[in-house]
Amino acid sequence: MFHKNFKLVIAAILIGFGVYQIIESNIGNGIALILFSGIFIFLYFKNEMILLAFLRLRKQDFEGAKKWLDKIKNPESALTQKQQGYFNYIHGLLLSQTNMTKAEKFFKRAIKLGLSMKQDLAMAKLNLAGIAMTKRRKREAQLLLKEAKSLDKHGMLNEQIQMMKQQMKRF
């Protein structure tokens, strides 16, 4: 909604005014303003449109997620590097249902930009392995599956990885 630098400016103003309120003996107001500035600092690191798109994805509402992502006009300047990674990751997830070539491009860009959670990185590599397998690139798919398995520390993707390995044996 706001540009990333504008969020920091708002947070700095709120912190400054909060300190002023504390100096003027309005301690409650000062603390409230400083805590309120934390929202803008949080939204600097986690873009609100991407968070809302993740919520839509969680409810399997792909159209709603696409609508929230489309509200980000210029992701290169409006988002930090990790946010750009998640922007591309969500686009890849949305396109993996219909256009695998474009989805592969988005997943590769998301991995290159970086994802902060290893589980998301494992999911991106698992999707890339599936795309590589459908394009008959078995060696690349095996490598990506191995990387996804090593990133999946909690075993949440074990079932999908095993299913994909079974399908690779048929090729």
C-alpha atoms as a PDB file:
ATOM      1  CA  MET A   1       0.000   0.000   0.000  1.00  0.00           C
ATOM      2  CA  PHE A   2       2.736   2.450   1.026  1.00  0.00           C
ATOM      3  CA  HIS A   3       6.197   2.506  -0.517  1.00  0.00           C
ATOM      4  CA  LYS A   4       8.768   0.685   1.617  1.00  0.00           C
ATOM      5  CA  ASN A   5      10.760   3.847   2.430  1.00  0.00           C
ATOM      6  CA  PHE A   6       7.604   5.764   3.275  1.00  0.00           C
ATOM      7  CA  LYS A   7       6.825   3.140   5.923  1.00  0.00           C
ATOM      8  CA  LEU A   8      10.173   3.815   7.588  1.00  0.00           C
ATOM      9  CA  VAL A   9       9.573   7.572   7.511  1.00  0.00           C
ATOM     10  CA  ILE A  10       6.173   7.130   9.174  1.00  0.00           C
ATOM     11  CA  ALA A  11       7.733   4.850  11.813  1.00  0.00           C
ATOM     12  CA  ALA A  12      10.500   7.393  12.515  1.00  0.00           C
ATOM     13  CA  ILE A  13       7.971  10.212  12.884  1.00  0.00           C
ATOM     14  CA  LEU A  14       5.846   8.131  15.234  1.00  0.00           C
ATOM     15  CA  ILE A  15       8.860   7.158  17.344  1.00  0.00           C
ATOM     16  CA  GLY A  16      10.020  10.776  17.478  1.00  0.00           C
ATOM     17  CA  PHE A  17       6.591  12.013  18.502  1.00  0.00           C
ATOM     18  CA  GLY A  18       6.333   9.157  21.017  1.00  0.00           C
ATOM     19  CA  VAL A  19       9.624  10.192  22.639  1.00  0.00           C
ATOM     20  CA  TYR A  20       8.387  13.796  22.702  1.00  0.00           C
ATOM     21  CA  GLN A  21       5.190  12.649  24.437  1.00  0.00           C
ATOM     22  CA  ILE A  22       7.224  10.754  27.047  1.00  0.00           C
ATOM     23  CA  ILE A  23       9.393  13.831  27.684  1.00  0.00           C
ATOM     24  CA  GLU A  24       6.233  15.925  28.105  1.00  0.00           C
ATOM     25  CA  SER A  25       5.037  13.464  30.802  1.00  0.00           C
ATOM     26  CA  ASN A  26       2.430  11.816  28.576  1.00  0.00           C
ATOM     27  CA  ILE A  27       4.004   8.418  29.067  1.00  0.00           C
ATOM     28  CA  GLY A  28       0.963   6.388  28.009  1.00  0.00           C
ATOM     29  CA  ASN A  29       0.634   8.275  24.728  1.00  0.00           C
ATOM     30  CA  GLY A  30       4.371   7.954  24.068  1.00  0.00           C
ATOM     31  CA  ILE A  31       4.428   4.220  24.651  1.00  0.00           C
ATOM     32  CA  ALA A  32       1.327   3.744  22.499  1.00  0.00           C
ATOM     33  CA  LEU A  33       2.891   5.721  19.635  1.00  0.00           C
ATOM     34  CA  ILE A  34       6.146   3.772  19.850  1.00  0.00           C
ATOM     35  CA  LEU A  35       4.228   0.483  19.803  1.00  0.00           C
ATOM     36  CA  PHE A  36       2.109   1.744  16.891  1.00  0.00           C
ATOM     37  CA  SER A  37       5.290   2.532  14.948  1.00  0.00           C
ATOM     38  CA  GLY A  38       6.161  -1.158  15.286  1.00  0.00           C
ATOM     39  CA  ILE A  39       3.360  -1.946  12.832  1.00  0.00           C
ATOM     40  CA  PHE A  40       5.030   0.122  10.121  1.00  0.00           C
ATOM     41  CA  ILE A  41       8.417  -1.412  10.876  1.00  0.00           C
ATOM     42  CA  PHE A  42       6.854  -4.882  10.633  1.00  0.00           C
ATOM     43  CA  LEU A  43       5.198  -3.977   7.329  1.00  0.00           C
ATOM     44  CA  TYR A  44       8.553  -2.779   5.980  1.00  0.00           C
ATOM     45  CA  PHE A  45       9.861  -6.338   6.271  1.00  0.00           C
ATOM     46  CA  LYS A  46       6.586  -8.139   5.473  1.00  0.00           C
ATOM     47  CA  ASN A  47       4.590  -6.531   2.685  1.00  0.00           C
ATOM     48  CA  GLU A  48       0.882  -6.369   3.485  1.00  0.00           C
ATOM     49  CA  MET A  49      -0.221  -7.326  -0.036  1.00  0.00           C
ATOM     50  CA  ILE A  50       1.946 -10.453   0.018  1.00  0.00           C
ATOM     51  CA  LEU A  51       0.592 -11.384   3.455  1.00  0.00           C
ATOM     52  CA  LEU A  52      -2.979 -11.002   2.189  1.00  0.00           C
ATOM     53  CA  ALA A  53      -2.134 -13.075  -0.900  1.00  0.00           C
ATOM     54  CA  PHE A  54      -0.784 -15.842   1.369  1.00  0.00           C
ATOM     55  CA  LEU A  55      -4.037 -15.757   3.338  1.00  0.00           C
ATOM     56  CA  ARG A  56      -6.018 -16.175   0.109  1.00  0.00           C
ATOM     57  CA  LEU A  57      -3.757 -19.076  -0.938  1.00  0.00           C
ATOM     58  CA  ARG A  58      -4.327 -20.741   2.397  1.00  0.00           C
ATOM     59  CA  LYS A  59      -8.045 -20.739   1.656  1.00  0.00           C
ATOM     60  CA  GLN A  60      -7.386 -22.091  -1.884  1.00  0.00           C
ATOM     61  CA  ASP A  61      -8.685 -18.822  -3.375  1.00  0.00           C
ATOM     62  CA  PHE A  62      -6.279 -18.456  -6.292  1.00  0.00           C
ATOM     63  CA  GLU A  63      -8.224 -15.618  -7.906  1.00  0.00           C
ATOM     64  CA  GLY A  64      -8.184 -13.636  -4.673  1.00  0.00           C
ATOM     65  CA  ALA A  65      -4.438 -14.171  -4.270  1.00  0.00           C
ATOM     66  CA  LYS A  66      -3.865 -13.027  -7.849  1.00  0.00           C
ATOM     67  CA  LYS A  67      -5.978  -9.937  -7.180  1.00  0.00           C
ATOM     68  CA  TRP A  68      -3.866  -8.991  -4.132  1.00  0.00           C
ATOM     69  CA  LEU A  69      -0.610  -9.535  -6.035  1.00  0.00           C
ATOM     70  CA  ASP A  70      -1.836  -7.412  -8.931  1.00  0.00           C
ATOM     71  CA  LYS A  71      -2.142  -4.459  -6.551  1.00  0.00           C
ATOM     72  CA  ILE A  72       1.661  -4.345  -6.326  1.00  0.00           C
ATOM     73  CA  LYS A  73       2.448  -2.157  -9.321  1.00  0.00           C
ATOM     74  CA  ASN A  74       6.262  -2.057  -9.444  1.00  0.00           C
ATOM     75  CA  PRO A  75       7.679  -4.925  -7.347  1.00  0.00           C
ATOM     76  CA  GLU A  76      11.330  -4.096  -8.083  1.00  0.00           C
ATOM     77  CA  SER A  77      11.171  -0.722  -6.342  1.00  0.00           C
ATOM     78  CA  ALA A  78       8.288  -1.251  -3.928  1.00  0.00           C
ATOM     79  CA  LEU A  79       9.539  -4.500  -2.345  1.00  0.00           C
ATOM     80  CA  THR A  80      12.689  -5.630  -0.581  1.00  0.00           C
ATOM     81  CA  GLN A  81      14.660  -8.519  -2.089  1.00  0.00           C
ATOM     82  CA  LYS A  82      13.040 -11.226   0.070  1.00  0.00           C
ATOM     83  CA  GLN A  83       9.600  -9.767  -0.634  1.00  0.00           C
ATOM     84  CA  GLN A  84      10.351  -9.933  -4.360  1.00  0.00           C
ATOM     85  CA  GLY A  85      11.284 -13.580  -3.829  1.00  0.00           C
ATOM     86  CA  TYR A  86       7.922 -14.286  -2.216  1.00  0.00           C
ATOM     87  CA  PHE A  87       6.153 -12.236  -4.890  1.00  0.00           C
ATOM     88  CA  ASN A  88       7.665 -14.535  -7.542  1.00  0.00           C
ATOM     89  CA  TYR A  89       7.054 -17.629  -5.390  1.00  0.00           C
ATOM     90  CA  ILE A  90       3.322 -16.917  -5.125  1.00  0.00           C
ATOM     91  CA  HIS A  91       3.124 -16.158  -8.851  1.00  0.00           C
ATOM     92  CA  GLY A  92       4.843 -19.484  -9.509  1.00  0.00           C
ATOM     93  CA  LEU A  93       2.348 -21.304  -7.293  1.00  0.00           C
ATOM     94  CA  LEU A  94      -0.559 -19.647  -9.096  1.00  0.00           C
ATOM     95  CA  LEU A  95       0.831 -20.405 -12.557  1.00  0.00           C
ATOM     96  CA  SER A  96       1.897 -23.976 -11.769  1.00  0.00           C
ATOM     97  CA  GLN A  97      -1.712 -25.035 -12.287  1.00  0.00           C
ATOM     98  CA  THR A  98      -1.909 -23.695 -15.843  1.00  0.00           C
ATOM     99  CA  ASN A  99       1.389 -22.600 -17.438  1.00  0.00           C
ATOM    100  CA  MET A 100       4.409 -24.611 -16.328  1.00  0.00           C
ATOM    101  CA  THR A 101       6.947 -22.711 -18.412  1.00  0.00           C
ATOM    102  CA  LYS A 102       6.074 -19.379 -16.802  1.00  0.00           C
ATOM    103  CA  ALA A 103       5.811 -21.030 -13.383  1.00  0.00           C
ATOM    104  CA  GLU A 104       9.329 -22.420 -13.782  1.00  0.00           C
ATOM    105  CA  LYS A 105      10.620 -18.932 -14.559  1.00  0.00           C
ATOM    106  CA  PHE A 106       8.948 -17.494 -11.448  1.00  0.00           C
ATOM    107  CA  PHE A 107      10.192 -20.306  -9.179  1.00  0.00           C
ATOM    108  CA  LYS A 108      13.776 -19.912 -10.417  1.00  0.00           C
ATOM    109  CA  ARG A 109      13.627 -16.172  -9.870  1.00  0.00           C
ATOM    110  CA  ALA A 110      12.168 -16.700  -6.369  1.00  0.00           C
ATOM    111  CA  ILE A 111      15.011 -19.066  -5.457  1.00  0.00           C
ATOM    112  CA  LYS A 112      17.564 -16.627  -6.853  1.00  0.00           C
ATOM    113  CA  LEU A 113      16.123 -13.685  -4.888  1.00  0.00           C
ATOM    114  CA  GLY A 114      15.816 -15.779  -1.761  1.00  0.00           C
ATOM    115  CA  LEU A 115      13.059 -17.063   0.467  1.00  0.00           C
ATOM    116  CA  SER A 116      13.413 -16.636   4.210  1.00  0.00           C
ATOM    117  CA  MET A 117      11.814 -19.935   5.242  1.00  0.00           C
ATOM    118  CA  LYS A 118      13.487 -23.221   4.317  1.00  0.00           C
ATOM    119  CA  GLN A 119      10.067 -24.851   3.961  1.00  0.00           C
ATOM    120  CA  ASP A 120       9.113 -22.379   1.225  1.00  0.00           C
ATOM    121  CA  LEU A 121      12.443 -22.956  -0.501  1.00  0.00           C
ATOM    122  CA  ALA A 122      11.866 -26.712  -0.333  1.00  0.00           C
ATOM    123  CA  MET A 123       8.389 -26.278  -1.817  1.00  0.00           C
ATOM    124  CA  ALA A 124       9.756 -24.146  -4.657  1.00  0.00           C
ATOM    125  CA  LYS A 125      12.426 -26.753  -5.436  1.00  0.00           C
ATOM    126  CA  LEU A 126       9.836 -29.531  -5.271  1.00  0.00           C
ATOM    127  CA  ASN A 127       7.658 -27.686  -7.775  1.00  0.00           C
ATOM    128  CA  LEU A 128      10.683 -27.123 -10.016  1.00  0.00           C
ATOM    129  CA  ALA A 129      11.448 -30.851  -9.799  1.00  0.00           C
ATOM    130  CA  GLY A 130       7.900 -31.641 -10.898  1.00  0.00           C
ATOM    131  CA  ILE A 131       8.185 -29.243 -13.819  1.00  0.00           C
ATOM    132  CA  ALA A 132      11.567 -30.705 -14.810  1.00  0.00           C
ATOM    133  CA  MET A 133      10.101 -34.200 -14.638  1.00  0.00           C
ATOM    134  CA  THR A 134       7.223 -33.294 -16.951  1.00  0.00           C
ATOM    135  CA  LYS A 135       9.760 -31.839 -19.390  1.00  0.00           C
ATOM    136  CA  ARG A 136      11.749 -35.143 -19.309  1.00  0.00           C
ATOM    137  CA  ARG A 137      14.769 -33.691 -17.498  1.00  0.00           C
ATOM    138  CA  LYS A 138      15.273 -36.573 -15.071  1.00  0.00           C
ATOM    139  CA  ARG A 139      18.755 -35.633 -13.796  1.00  0.00           C
ATOM    140  CA  GLU A 140      17.681 -32.089 -12.918  1.00  0.00           C
ATOM    141  CA  ALA A 141      14.529 -33.387 -11.247  1.00  0.00           C
ATOM    142  CA  GLN A 142      16.533 -35.816  -9.104  1.00  0.00           C
ATOM    143  CA  LEU A 143      18.908 -33.067  -8.027  1.00  0.00           C
ATOM    144  CA  LEU A 144      16.049 -30.728  -7.125  1.00  0.00           C
ATOM    145  CA  LEU A 145      14.260 -33.491  -5.213  1.00  0.00           C
ATOM    146  CA  LYS A 146      17.413 -34.184  -3.214  1.00  0.00           C
ATOM    147  CA  GLU A 147      17.752 -30.483  -2.379  1.00  0.00           C
ATOM    148  CA  ALA A 148      14.065 -30.263  -1.413  1.00  0.00           C
ATOM    149  CA  LYS A 149      14.419 -33.284   0.869  1.00  0.00           C
ATOM    150  CA  SER A 150      17.454 -31.786   2.603  1.00  0.00           C
ATOM    151  CA  LEU A 151      15.607 -28.473   3.139  1.00  0.00           C
ATOM    152  CA  ASP A 152      12.482 -30.176   4.505  1.00  0.00           C
ATOM    153  CA  LYS A 153      13.618 -30.562   8.129  1.00  0.00           C
ATOM    154  CA  HIS A 154      10.149 -31.229   9.571  1.00  0.00           C
ATOM    155  CA  GLY A 155       9.147 -33.850   7.016  1.00  0.00           C
ATOM    156  CA  MET A 156       6.101 -31.951   5.800  1.00  0.00           C
ATOM    157  CA  LEU A 157       6.844 -32.718   2.155  1.00  0.00           C
ATOM    158  CA  ASN A 158       7.892 -36.365   2.603  1.00  0.00           C
ATOM    159  CA  GLU A 159       4.695 -37.695   1.035  1.00  0.00           C
ATOM    160  CA  GLN A 160       4.995 -35.493  -2.057  1.00  0.00           C
ATOM    161  CA  ILE A 161       8.699 -36.298  -2.433  1.00  0.00           C
ATOM    162  CA  GLN A 162       8.036 -40.053  -2.217  1.00  0.00           C
ATOM    163  CA  MET A 163       5.203 -39.770  -4.731  1.00  0.00           C
ATOM    164  CA  MET A 164       7.450 -37.886  -7.144  1.00  0.00           C
ATOM    165  CA  LYS A 165      10.231 -40.479  -6.745  1.00  0.00           C
ATOM    166  CA  GLN A 166       7.731 -43.233  -7.597  1.00  0.00           C
ATOM    167  CA  GLN A 167       6.719 -41.369 -10.739  1.00  0.00           C
ATOM    168  CA  MET A 168      10.369 -40.877 -11.709  1.00  0.00           C
ATOM    169  CA  LYS A 169      10.973 -44.626 -11.531  1.00  0.00           C
ATOM    170  CA  ARG A 170       8.369 -45.120 -14.264  1.00  0.00           C
ATOM    171  CA  PHE A 171      10.275 -42.858 -16.686  1.00  0.00           C
END
